[in-house]
């Protein structure tokens, strides 16, 4: 019984990896020095006061990035609610031909808007640790989409 469960989990993991590799856009900028630990995920079945679409998933992850590391340019289909537990980071948000830059430190929180291209860089001297809630993930899909560097990326 344990062996079949283990094989099922390995198969699901490999399928997710293959899917992620085949849908990543060409020219995407990969993350560096980043560890993503999925903490929880569930499908919304309520009609609560936060505008969530019934049938979409809500996912929670702990993300750690070493000094000098980055998230790579990316977006989130349903946005992201981010709490900074430790460290310092700078978020670059593409606004067409320009990038907006904001720095956050431990104890602060911020929201990444849906389908907006961002890059997050560890500008501090210790790893940053984030707890991120992805509120509207299409069921069975990734909470993150790798994106090519936007025109404003020539920082």
N, C-alpha and C. Protein backbone atom coordinates (compact mmCIF):
# COMPACT_ATOMS: atom_id res chain seq x y z
N UNK A 1 0.82 -1.19 0.00
CA UNK A 1 0.00 0.00 0.00
C UNK A 1 0.87 1.26 0.00
N UNK A 2 1.88 1.33 0.88
CA UNK A 2 2.74 2.50 0.95
C UNK A 2 3.49 2.71 -0.36
N UNK A 3 3.92 1.61 -0.98
CA UNK A 3 4.65 1.70 -2.24
C UNK A 3 3.79 2.32 -3.33
N UNK A 4 2.51 1.94 -3.43
CA UNK A 4 1.64 2.49 -4.48
C UNK A 4 1.36 3.97 -4.24
N UNK A 5 1.22 4.38 -2.98
CA UNK A 5 1.02 5.79 -2.68
C UNK A 5 2.26 6.58 -3.06
N UNK A 6 3.43 6.05 -2.73
CA UNK A 6 4.68 6.71 -3.07
C UNK A 6 4.81 6.88 -4.58
N UNK A 7 4.51 5.82 -5.35
CA UNK A 7 4.58 5.90 -6.81
C UNK A 7 3.58 6.90 -7.37
N UNK A 8 2.40 6.95 -6.76
CA UNK A 8 1.39 7.91 -7.21
C UNK A 8 1.88 9.34 -7.00
N UNK A 9 2.48 9.61 -5.84
CA UNK A 9 3.00 10.95 -5.56
C UNK A 9 4.14 11.32 -6.50
N UNK A 10 5.04 10.37 -6.76
CA UNK A 10 6.14 10.62 -7.70
C UNK A 10 5.59 10.90 -9.09
N UNK A 11 4.59 10.14 -9.52
CA UNK A 11 4.00 10.33 -10.85
C UNK A 11 3.35 11.70 -10.97
N UNK A 12 2.62 12.13 -9.94
CA UNK A 12 1.98 13.45 -9.96
C UNK A 12 3.04 14.54 -10.02
N UNK A 13 4.11 14.38 -9.23
CA UNK A 13 5.19 15.37 -9.23
C UNK A 13 5.86 15.48 -10.58
N UNK A 14 6.14 14.35 -11.20
CA UNK A 14 6.77 14.37 -12.53
C UNK A 14 5.84 14.97 -13.57
N UNK A 15 4.56 14.67 -13.48
CA UNK A 15 3.60 15.25 -14.43
C UNK A 15 3.57 16.77 -14.28
N UNK A 16 3.59 17.26 -13.05
CA UNK A 16 3.61 18.70 -12.82
C UNK A 16 4.86 19.35 -13.37
N UNK A 17 6.00 18.68 -13.19
CA UNK A 17 7.27 19.21 -13.69
C UNK A 17 7.25 19.28 -15.21
N UNK A 18 6.79 18.22 -15.86
CA UNK A 18 6.72 18.20 -17.32
C UNK A 18 5.78 19.28 -17.81
N UNK A 19 4.63 19.44 -17.16
CA UNK A 19 3.68 20.47 -17.55
C UNK A 19 4.30 21.85 -17.41
N UNK A 20 4.96 22.10 -16.29
CA UNK A 20 5.59 23.41 -16.06
C UNK A 20 6.66 23.69 -17.11
N UNK A 21 7.41 22.66 -17.48
CA UNK A 21 8.48 22.85 -18.46
C UNK A 21 7.92 23.10 -19.85
N UNK A 22 6.79 22.51 -20.19
CA UNK A 22 6.27 22.66 -21.54
C UNK A 22 5.45 23.92 -21.71
N UNK A 23 4.93 24.53 -20.62
CA UNK A 23 4.13 25.73 -20.79
C UNK A 23 4.91 27.01 -20.50
N UNK A 24 6.17 26.90 -20.05
CA UNK A 24 6.96 28.10 -19.78
C UNK A 24 7.26 28.80 -21.09
N UNK A 25 7.00 30.11 -21.15
CA UNK A 25 7.25 30.83 -22.40
C UNK A 25 8.74 30.88 -22.71
N UNK A 26 9.04 30.91 -24.02
CA UNK A 26 10.45 30.99 -24.39
C UNK A 26 10.98 32.34 -23.96
N UNK A 27 12.24 32.38 -23.60
CA UNK A 27 12.83 33.62 -23.14
C UNK A 27 12.51 33.94 -21.70
N UNK A 28 11.85 33.03 -21.00
CA UNK A 28 11.50 33.28 -19.60
C UNK A 28 12.76 33.38 -18.77
N UNK A 29 12.70 34.19 -17.73
CA UNK A 29 13.84 34.35 -16.84
C UNK A 29 13.65 33.46 -15.62
N UNK A 30 14.49 32.46 -15.44
CA UNK A 30 14.30 31.53 -14.32
C UNK A 30 14.71 32.16 -13.00
N UNK A 31 14.14 31.69 -11.91
CA UNK A 31 14.57 32.17 -10.60
C UNK A 31 15.97 31.68 -10.29
N UNK A 32 16.64 32.35 -9.33
CA UNK A 32 17.95 31.88 -8.89
C UNK A 32 18.01 32.00 -7.37
N UNK A 33 18.55 30.98 -6.72
CA UNK A 33 18.67 30.99 -5.28
C UNK A 33 17.35 30.97 -4.55
N UNK A 34 16.31 30.46 -5.17
CA UNK A 34 14.96 30.48 -4.63
C UNK A 34 14.52 29.08 -4.23
N UNK A 35 13.90 28.96 -3.05
CA UNK A 35 13.29 27.71 -2.62
C UNK A 35 11.82 27.97 -2.36
N UNK A 36 10.95 27.18 -2.96
CA UNK A 36 9.50 27.33 -2.80
C UNK A 36 8.97 26.08 -2.12
N UNK A 37 8.40 26.24 -0.93
CA UNK A 37 7.83 25.11 -0.19
C UNK A 37 6.32 25.28 -0.18
N UNK A 38 5.59 24.51 -0.98
CA UNK A 38 4.13 24.60 -0.91
C UNK A 38 3.67 24.18 0.48
N UNK A 39 2.84 25.01 1.13
CA UNK A 39 2.37 24.72 2.47
C UNK A 39 0.96 24.17 2.49
N UNK A 40 0.11 24.67 1.61
CA UNK A 40 -1.27 24.22 1.61
C UNK A 40 -1.93 24.65 0.31
N UNK A 41 -2.97 23.92 -0.04
CA UNK A 41 -3.75 24.27 -1.23
C UNK A 41 -5.12 23.66 -1.07
N UNK A 42 -6.16 24.40 -1.44
CA UNK A 42 -7.52 23.90 -1.37
C UNK A 42 -8.38 24.59 -2.40
N UNK A 43 -9.47 23.96 -2.79
CA UNK A 43 -10.38 24.53 -3.78
C UNK A 43 -11.48 25.31 -3.09
N UNK A 44 -11.70 26.55 -3.54
CA UNK A 44 -12.73 27.40 -2.96
C UNK A 44 -14.11 26.82 -3.26
N UNK A 45 -14.89 26.62 -2.22
CA UNK A 45 -16.26 26.11 -2.39
C UNK A 45 -17.28 27.05 -1.78
N UNK A 46 -16.84 28.26 -1.42
CA UNK A 46 -17.76 29.20 -0.77
C UNK A 46 -17.99 30.42 -1.66
N UNK A 47 -18.92 31.24 -1.23
CA UNK A 47 -19.16 32.53 -1.87
C UNK A 47 -18.87 33.63 -0.86
N UNK A 48 -17.63 33.61 -0.30
CA UNK A 48 -17.24 34.56 0.73
C UNK A 48 -17.17 35.98 0.21
N UNK A 49 -16.82 36.92 1.09
CA UNK A 49 -16.80 38.33 0.73
C UNK A 49 -15.55 38.75 -0.05
N UNK A 50 -14.51 37.91 -0.04
CA UNK A 50 -13.35 38.17 -0.89
C UNK A 50 -13.69 37.63 -2.27
N UNK A 51 -13.48 38.41 -3.33
CA UNK A 51 -13.93 37.96 -4.65
C UNK A 51 -13.10 36.79 -5.20
N UNK A 52 -13.45 35.60 -4.76
CA UNK A 52 -12.81 34.38 -5.26
C UNK A 52 -13.80 33.67 -6.17
N UNK A 53 -13.29 33.09 -7.22
CA UNK A 53 -14.14 32.37 -8.15
C UNK A 53 -14.31 30.93 -7.66
N UNK A 54 -15.55 30.50 -7.47
CA UNK A 54 -15.80 29.13 -7.04
C UNK A 54 -15.14 28.17 -8.02
N UNK A 55 -14.47 27.17 -7.48
CA UNK A 55 -13.78 26.19 -8.32
C UNK A 55 -12.31 26.50 -8.54
N UNK A 56 -11.88 27.74 -8.20
CA UNK A 56 -10.45 28.03 -8.30
C UNK A 56 -9.78 27.57 -7.02
N UNK A 57 -8.48 27.37 -7.08
CA UNK A 57 -7.72 26.93 -5.91
C UNK A 57 -7.14 28.14 -5.18
N UNK A 58 -6.93 27.94 -3.89
CA UNK A 58 -6.19 28.87 -3.06
C UNK A 58 -4.95 28.10 -2.61
N UNK A 59 -3.77 28.66 -2.87
CA UNK A 59 -2.52 27.97 -2.53
C UNK A 59 -1.69 28.87 -1.61
N UNK A 60 -0.94 28.23 -0.70
CA UNK A 60 -0.08 28.96 0.22
C UNK A 60 1.32 28.34 0.13
N UNK A 61 2.34 29.20 0.07
CA UNK A 61 3.71 28.70 -0.04
C UNK A 61 4.65 29.54 0.82
N UNK A 62 5.72 28.91 1.27
CA UNK A 62 6.82 29.62 1.92
C UNK A 62 7.92 29.72 0.87
N UNK A 63 8.38 30.94 0.60
CA UNK A 63 9.39 31.15 -0.42
C UNK A 63 10.62 31.79 0.24
N UNK A 64 11.77 31.18 0.01
CA UNK A 64 13.02 31.69 0.57
C UNK A 64 13.98 31.98 -0.58
N UNK A 65 14.62 33.14 -0.55
CA UNK A 65 15.57 33.52 -1.59
C UNK A 65 16.84 34.02 -0.90
N UNK A 66 17.97 33.47 -1.31
CA UNK A 66 19.26 33.84 -0.75
C UNK A 66 19.69 35.23 -1.21
N UNK A 67 20.61 35.89 -0.47
CA UNK A 67 21.09 37.21 -0.87
C UNK A 67 21.58 37.21 -2.32
N UNK A 68 21.16 38.21 -3.08
CA UNK A 68 21.53 38.32 -4.48
C UNK A 68 20.65 37.49 -5.41
N UNK A 69 19.81 36.60 -4.85
CA UNK A 69 18.93 35.76 -5.67
C UNK A 69 17.70 36.53 -6.12
N UNK A 70 16.97 35.94 -7.04
CA UNK A 70 15.78 36.61 -7.56
C UNK A 70 14.69 35.61 -7.89
N UNK A 71 13.50 36.14 -8.05
CA UNK A 71 12.35 35.32 -8.43
C UNK A 71 12.34 35.05 -9.93
N UNK A 72 13.08 35.81 -10.69
CA UNK A 72 12.93 35.79 -12.15
C UNK A 72 11.65 36.54 -12.49
N UNK A 73 11.55 37.01 -13.71
CA UNK A 73 10.33 37.72 -14.13
C UNK A 73 9.19 36.72 -14.18
N UNK A 74 8.06 37.09 -13.57
CA UNK A 74 6.93 36.17 -13.45
C UNK A 74 5.63 36.95 -13.24
N UNK A 75 4.53 36.23 -13.31
CA UNK A 75 3.22 36.79 -12.97
C UNK A 75 2.43 35.71 -12.24
N UNK A 76 1.28 36.10 -11.69
CA UNK A 76 0.39 35.17 -11.00
C UNK A 76 -1.01 35.35 -11.58
N UNK A 77 -1.66 34.27 -12.02
CA UNK A 77 -2.97 34.41 -12.66
C UNK A 77 -4.02 35.05 -11.76
N UNK A 78 -3.92 34.85 -10.46
CA UNK A 78 -4.91 35.43 -9.54
C UNK A 78 -4.29 36.39 -8.55
N UNK A 79 -3.07 36.84 -8.82
CA UNK A 79 -2.39 37.73 -7.89
C UNK A 79 -1.76 36.97 -6.74
N UNK A 80 -1.18 37.71 -5.79
CA UNK A 80 -0.53 37.10 -4.64
C UNK A 80 -0.59 38.07 -3.46
N UNK A 81 -0.80 37.51 -2.28
CA UNK A 81 -0.75 38.28 -1.04
C UNK A 81 0.50 37.81 -0.32
N UNK A 82 1.43 38.74 -0.08
CA UNK A 82 2.77 38.38 0.39
C UNK A 82 3.03 38.99 1.77
N UNK A 83 3.52 38.17 2.70
CA UNK A 83 3.95 38.64 4.02
C UNK A 83 5.44 38.35 4.13
N UNK A 84 6.22 39.37 4.46
CA UNK A 84 7.67 39.22 4.60
C UNK A 84 7.96 38.83 6.05
N UNK A 85 8.44 37.61 6.25
CA UNK A 85 8.78 37.16 7.59
C UNK A 85 10.19 37.59 7.98
N UNK A 86 11.11 37.54 7.02
CA UNK A 86 12.52 37.81 7.32
C UNK A 86 13.17 38.42 6.10
N UNK A 87 14.11 39.34 6.33
CA UNK A 87 14.94 39.85 5.26
C UNK A 87 14.40 41.10 4.59
N UNK A 88 15.01 41.40 3.45
CA UNK A 88 14.70 42.60 2.68
C UNK A 88 14.67 42.23 1.20
N UNK A 89 13.72 42.80 0.47
CA UNK A 89 13.60 42.48 -0.95
C UNK A 89 13.11 43.70 -1.71
N UNK A 90 13.44 43.72 -2.99
CA UNK A 90 12.98 44.79 -3.86
C UNK A 90 12.14 44.17 -4.97
N UNK A 91 10.95 44.73 -5.16
CA UNK A 91 10.03 44.25 -6.19
C UNK A 91 10.07 45.23 -7.36
N UNK A 92 10.33 44.69 -8.55
CA UNK A 92 10.28 45.45 -9.79
C UNK A 92 9.00 45.06 -10.50
N UNK A 93 8.14 46.04 -10.76
CA UNK A 93 6.86 45.79 -11.41
C UNK A 93 6.86 46.46 -12.77
N UNK A 94 6.61 45.68 -13.82
CA UNK A 94 6.60 46.21 -15.18
C UNK A 94 5.32 46.99 -15.42
N UNK A 95 5.51 48.23 -15.83
CA UNK A 95 4.38 49.09 -16.19
C UNK A 95 4.60 49.57 -17.62
N UNK A 96 4.64 48.62 -18.55
CA UNK A 96 4.91 48.95 -19.94
C UNK A 96 6.39 49.19 -20.15
N UNK A 97 6.77 50.43 -20.48
CA UNK A 97 8.18 50.72 -20.77
C UNK A 97 8.96 51.12 -19.53
N UNK A 98 8.30 51.23 -18.39
CA UNK A 98 9.00 51.58 -17.15
C UNK A 98 8.74 50.52 -16.08
N UNK A 99 9.62 50.49 -15.09
CA UNK A 99 9.45 49.60 -13.95
C UNK A 99 9.28 50.43 -12.68
N UNK A 100 8.34 50.03 -11.87
CA UNK A 100 8.16 50.63 -10.55
C UNK A 100 8.95 49.77 -9.57
N UNK A 101 9.66 50.39 -8.64
CA UNK A 101 10.50 49.68 -7.69
C UNK A 101 10.03 49.98 -6.28
N UNK A 102 9.82 48.92 -5.47
CA UNK A 102 9.43 49.07 -4.08
C UNK A 102 10.21 48.08 -3.23
N UNK A 103 10.73 48.54 -2.10
CA UNK A 103 11.48 47.68 -1.19
C UNK A 103 10.63 47.38 0.05
N UNK A 104 10.67 46.12 0.48
CA UNK A 104 9.92 45.67 1.66
C UNK A 104 10.88 44.98 2.61
N UNK A 105 10.54 45.05 3.92
CA UNK A 105 11.35 44.41 4.95
C UNK A 105 10.46 43.57 5.85
N UNK A 106 11.08 42.80 6.74
CA UNK A 106 10.37 41.91 7.65
C UNK A 106 9.24 42.65 8.36
N UNK A 107 8.09 42.00 8.44
CA UNK A 107 6.93 42.57 9.10
C UNK A 107 6.00 43.33 8.16
N UNK A 108 6.43 43.54 6.93
CA UNK A 108 5.58 44.23 5.95
C UNK A 108 4.88 43.20 5.07
N UNK A 109 3.81 43.65 4.43
CA UNK A 109 3.06 42.80 3.50
C UNK A 109 2.76 43.62 2.25
N UNK A 110 2.52 42.92 1.13
CA UNK A 110 2.16 43.60 -0.11
C UNK A 110 1.37 42.65 -0.99
N UNK A 111 0.78 43.21 -2.03
CA UNK A 111 -0.03 42.43 -2.97
C UNK A 111 0.55 42.58 -4.36
N UNK A 112 0.73 41.44 -5.04
CA UNK A 112 1.10 41.46 -6.46
C UNK A 112 -0.20 41.31 -7.24
N UNK A 113 -0.45 42.25 -8.13
CA UNK A 113 -1.69 42.25 -8.90
C UNK A 113 -1.72 41.09 -9.90
N UNK A 114 -2.91 40.60 -10.20
CA UNK A 114 -3.04 39.49 -11.16
C UNK A 114 -2.46 39.87 -12.53
N UNK A 115 -1.74 38.92 -13.12
CA UNK A 115 -1.24 39.02 -14.48
C UNK A 115 -0.34 40.23 -14.74
N UNK A 116 0.26 40.80 -13.68
CA UNK A 116 1.24 41.87 -13.83
C UNK A 116 2.62 41.23 -13.67
N UNK A 117 3.55 41.60 -14.54
CA UNK A 117 4.88 40.99 -14.54
C UNK A 117 5.76 41.66 -13.47
N UNK A 118 6.35 40.80 -12.61
CA UNK A 118 7.20 41.26 -11.51
C UNK A 118 8.51 40.50 -11.48
N UNK A 119 9.49 41.09 -10.84
CA UNK A 119 10.74 40.42 -10.48
C UNK A 119 11.04 40.84 -9.05
N UNK A 120 11.39 39.88 -8.20
CA UNK A 120 11.70 40.18 -6.80
C UNK A 120 13.15 39.78 -6.55
N UNK A 121 13.95 40.74 -6.06
CA UNK A 121 15.37 40.51 -5.85
C UNK A 121 15.71 40.66 -4.37
N UNK A 122 16.52 39.74 -3.86
CA UNK A 122 16.97 39.84 -2.48
C UNK A 122 18.10 40.87 -2.44
N UNK A 123 17.80 42.04 -1.90
CA UNK A 123 18.76 43.13 -1.82
C UNK A 123 19.44 43.19 -0.46
N UNK A 124 19.12 42.23 0.40
CA UNK A 124 19.68 42.24 1.75
C UNK A 124 20.88 41.33 1.90
N UNK A 125 21.27 41.11 3.15
CA UNK A 125 22.45 40.30 3.46
C UNK A 125 22.10 38.95 4.05
N UNK A 126 20.79 38.69 4.24
CA UNK A 126 20.33 37.39 4.73
C UNK A 126 19.23 36.90 3.80
N UNK A 127 18.92 35.60 3.81
CA UNK A 127 17.82 35.13 2.98
C UNK A 127 16.52 35.83 3.37
N UNK A 128 15.70 36.14 2.36
CA UNK A 128 14.36 36.61 2.74
C UNK A 128 13.43 35.41 2.73
N UNK A 129 12.45 35.47 3.63
CA UNK A 129 11.46 34.41 3.76
C UNK A 129 10.09 35.06 3.63
N UNK A 130 9.31 34.56 2.69
CA UNK A 130 7.97 35.07 2.44
C UNK A 130 6.94 33.98 2.68
N UNK A 131 5.77 34.36 3.18
CA UNK A 131 4.61 33.49 3.20
C UNK A 131 3.64 34.10 2.21
N UNK A 132 3.31 33.33 1.17
CA UNK A 132 2.53 33.87 0.06
C UNK A 132 1.24 33.08 -0.10
N UNK A 133 0.13 33.82 -0.22
CA UNK A 133 -1.16 33.22 -0.52
C UNK A 133 -1.53 33.60 -1.94
N UNK A 134 -1.81 32.59 -2.75
CA UNK A 134 -2.25 32.78 -4.13
C UNK A 134 -3.75 32.52 -4.13
N UNK A 135 -4.58 33.57 -4.17
CA UNK A 135 -6.01 33.40 -3.91
C UNK A 135 -6.85 32.84 -5.06
N UNK A 136 -6.42 32.94 -6.28
CA UNK A 136 -7.27 32.49 -7.39
C UNK A 136 -6.46 31.75 -8.43
N UNK A 137 -6.06 30.53 -8.10
CA UNK A 137 -5.27 29.73 -9.02
C UNK A 137 -6.22 28.83 -9.80
N UNK A 138 -6.17 28.86 -11.14
CA UNK A 138 -7.01 27.94 -11.89
C UNK A 138 -6.74 26.51 -11.43
N UNK A 139 -7.79 25.77 -11.19
CA UNK A 139 -7.68 24.44 -10.61
C UNK A 139 -6.70 23.57 -11.39
N UNK A 140 -5.72 23.01 -10.66
CA UNK A 140 -4.74 22.12 -11.26
C UNK A 140 -3.60 22.82 -11.98
N UNK A 141 -3.61 24.16 -12.04
CA UNK A 141 -2.57 24.90 -12.75
C UNK A 141 -1.59 25.51 -11.75
N UNK A 142 -0.50 26.05 -12.25
CA UNK A 142 0.52 26.66 -11.42
C UNK A 142 0.06 28.03 -10.93
N UNK A 143 0.51 28.40 -9.73
CA UNK A 143 0.22 29.73 -9.18
C UNK A 143 1.16 30.77 -9.77
N UNK A 144 2.14 30.34 -10.53
CA UNK A 144 3.16 31.22 -11.09
C UNK A 144 3.34 30.94 -12.58
N UNK A 145 3.54 32.02 -13.34
CA UNK A 145 3.85 31.90 -14.76
C UNK A 145 5.18 32.60 -15.01
N UNK A 146 6.19 31.87 -15.49
CA UNK A 146 7.46 32.50 -15.85
C UNK A 146 7.22 33.40 -17.05
N UNK A 147 7.84 34.58 -17.03
CA UNK A 147 7.64 35.57 -18.09
C UNK A 147 8.99 36.02 -18.64
N UNK A 148 9.02 36.42 -19.92
CA UNK A 148 10.24 37.02 -20.46
C UNK A 148 10.46 38.40 -19.81
N UNK A 149 11.70 38.83 -19.77
CA UNK A 149 12.02 40.14 -19.21
C UNK A 149 11.32 41.22 -20.03
N UNK A 150 10.63 42.16 -19.37
CA UNK A 150 9.93 43.24 -20.08
C UNK A 150 10.91 44.31 -20.54
N UNK A 151 10.46 45.27 -21.35
CA UNK A 151 11.35 46.33 -21.86
C UNK A 151 12.07 47.11 -20.75
N UNK A 152 11.43 47.25 -19.60
CA UNK A 152 12.04 48.03 -18.53
C UNK A 152 13.11 47.26 -17.77
N UNK A 153 13.37 46.02 -18.15
CA UNK A 153 14.30 45.16 -17.40
C UNK A 153 15.76 45.58 -17.53
N UNK A 154 16.09 46.46 -18.45
CA UNK A 154 17.47 46.92 -18.58
C UNK A 154 17.80 47.87 -17.44
N UNK A 155 17.69 47.38 -16.24
CA UNK A 155 17.82 48.21 -15.03
C UNK A 155 19.21 48.76 -14.85
